[in-house]
Amino acid sequence: MGDFISELCGFFFSKGRRIFLIPFFLILFLCAFLFLFASGSAWAPFVYAIF
């Protein structure tokens, strides 16, 4: 398990892969932000309908 995590961190932080991962993490954080801040508002049914 430790080898897998170290290989994964090495893959994520290699210089050629950073540009490839920026859109992935941007969309991930955007969805997390949307779920966290829209869960208690009137927009919640619309946000949950999207996903």
Protein backbone atom coordinates (compact mmCIF):
# COMPACT_ATOMS: atom_id res chain seq x y z
CA MET A 1 0.00 0.00 0.00
CA GLY A 2 2.85 2.38 0.79
CA ASP A 3 4.41 1.74 -2.61
CA PHE A 4 1.13 2.58 -4.32
CA ILE A 5 0.81 5.89 -2.49
CA SER A 6 4.41 6.86 -3.18
CA GLU A 7 4.02 5.98 -6.88
CA LEU A 8 0.78 7.97 -7.04
CA CYS A 9 2.37 11.02 -5.42
CA GLY A 10 5.33 10.72 -7.77
CA PHE A 11 2.96 10.62 -10.74
CA PHE A 12 0.93 13.61 -9.57
CA PHE A 13 3.91 15.81 -8.81
CA SER A 14 6.04 15.06 -11.85
CA LYS A 15 6.59 18.12 -14.00
CA GLY A 16 4.85 16.82 -17.12
CA ARG A 17 1.67 15.77 -15.35
CA ARG A 18 0.81 18.97 -13.50
CA ILE A 19 -0.75 20.69 -16.49
CA PHE A 20 -2.77 17.57 -17.25
CA LEU A 21 -4.22 17.44 -13.72
CA ILE A 22 -5.16 21.11 -13.31
CA PRO A 23 -8.57 20.79 -15.06
CA PHE A 24 -9.35 17.62 -13.11
CA PHE A 25 -8.71 19.23 -9.72
CA LEU A 26 -10.44 22.44 -10.76
CA ILE A 27 -13.66 20.59 -11.63
CA LEU A 28 -13.37 18.48 -8.48
CA PHE A 29 -13.06 21.55 -6.23
CA LEU A 30 -15.84 23.34 -8.10
CA CYS A 31 -18.23 20.42 -7.54
CA ALA A 32 -17.24 20.18 -3.87
CA PHE A 33 -17.77 23.92 -3.44
CA LEU A 34 -21.16 23.67 -5.14
CA PHE A 35 -22.30 20.80 -2.91
CA LEU A 36 -21.09 22.42 0.30
CA PHE A 37 -22.53 25.87 -0.19
CA ALA A 38 -25.73 24.99 -2.02
CA SER A 39 -26.82 22.20 0.30
CA GLY A 40 -28.57 24.49 2.76
CA SER A 41 -30.06 26.94 0.32
CA ALA A 42 -33.03 27.09 -2.01
CA TRP A 43 -30.74 26.04 -4.87
CA ALA A 44 -30.20 22.56 -3.41
CA PRO A 45 -32.93 20.78 -5.43
CA PHE A 46 -31.52 22.21 -8.65
CA VAL A 47 -27.93 21.28 -7.80
CA TYR A 48 -28.86 17.73 -6.80
CA ALA A 49 -30.93 17.34 -9.98
CA ILE A 50 -27.83 18.02 -12.06
CA PHE A 51 -25.94 15.15 -10.49
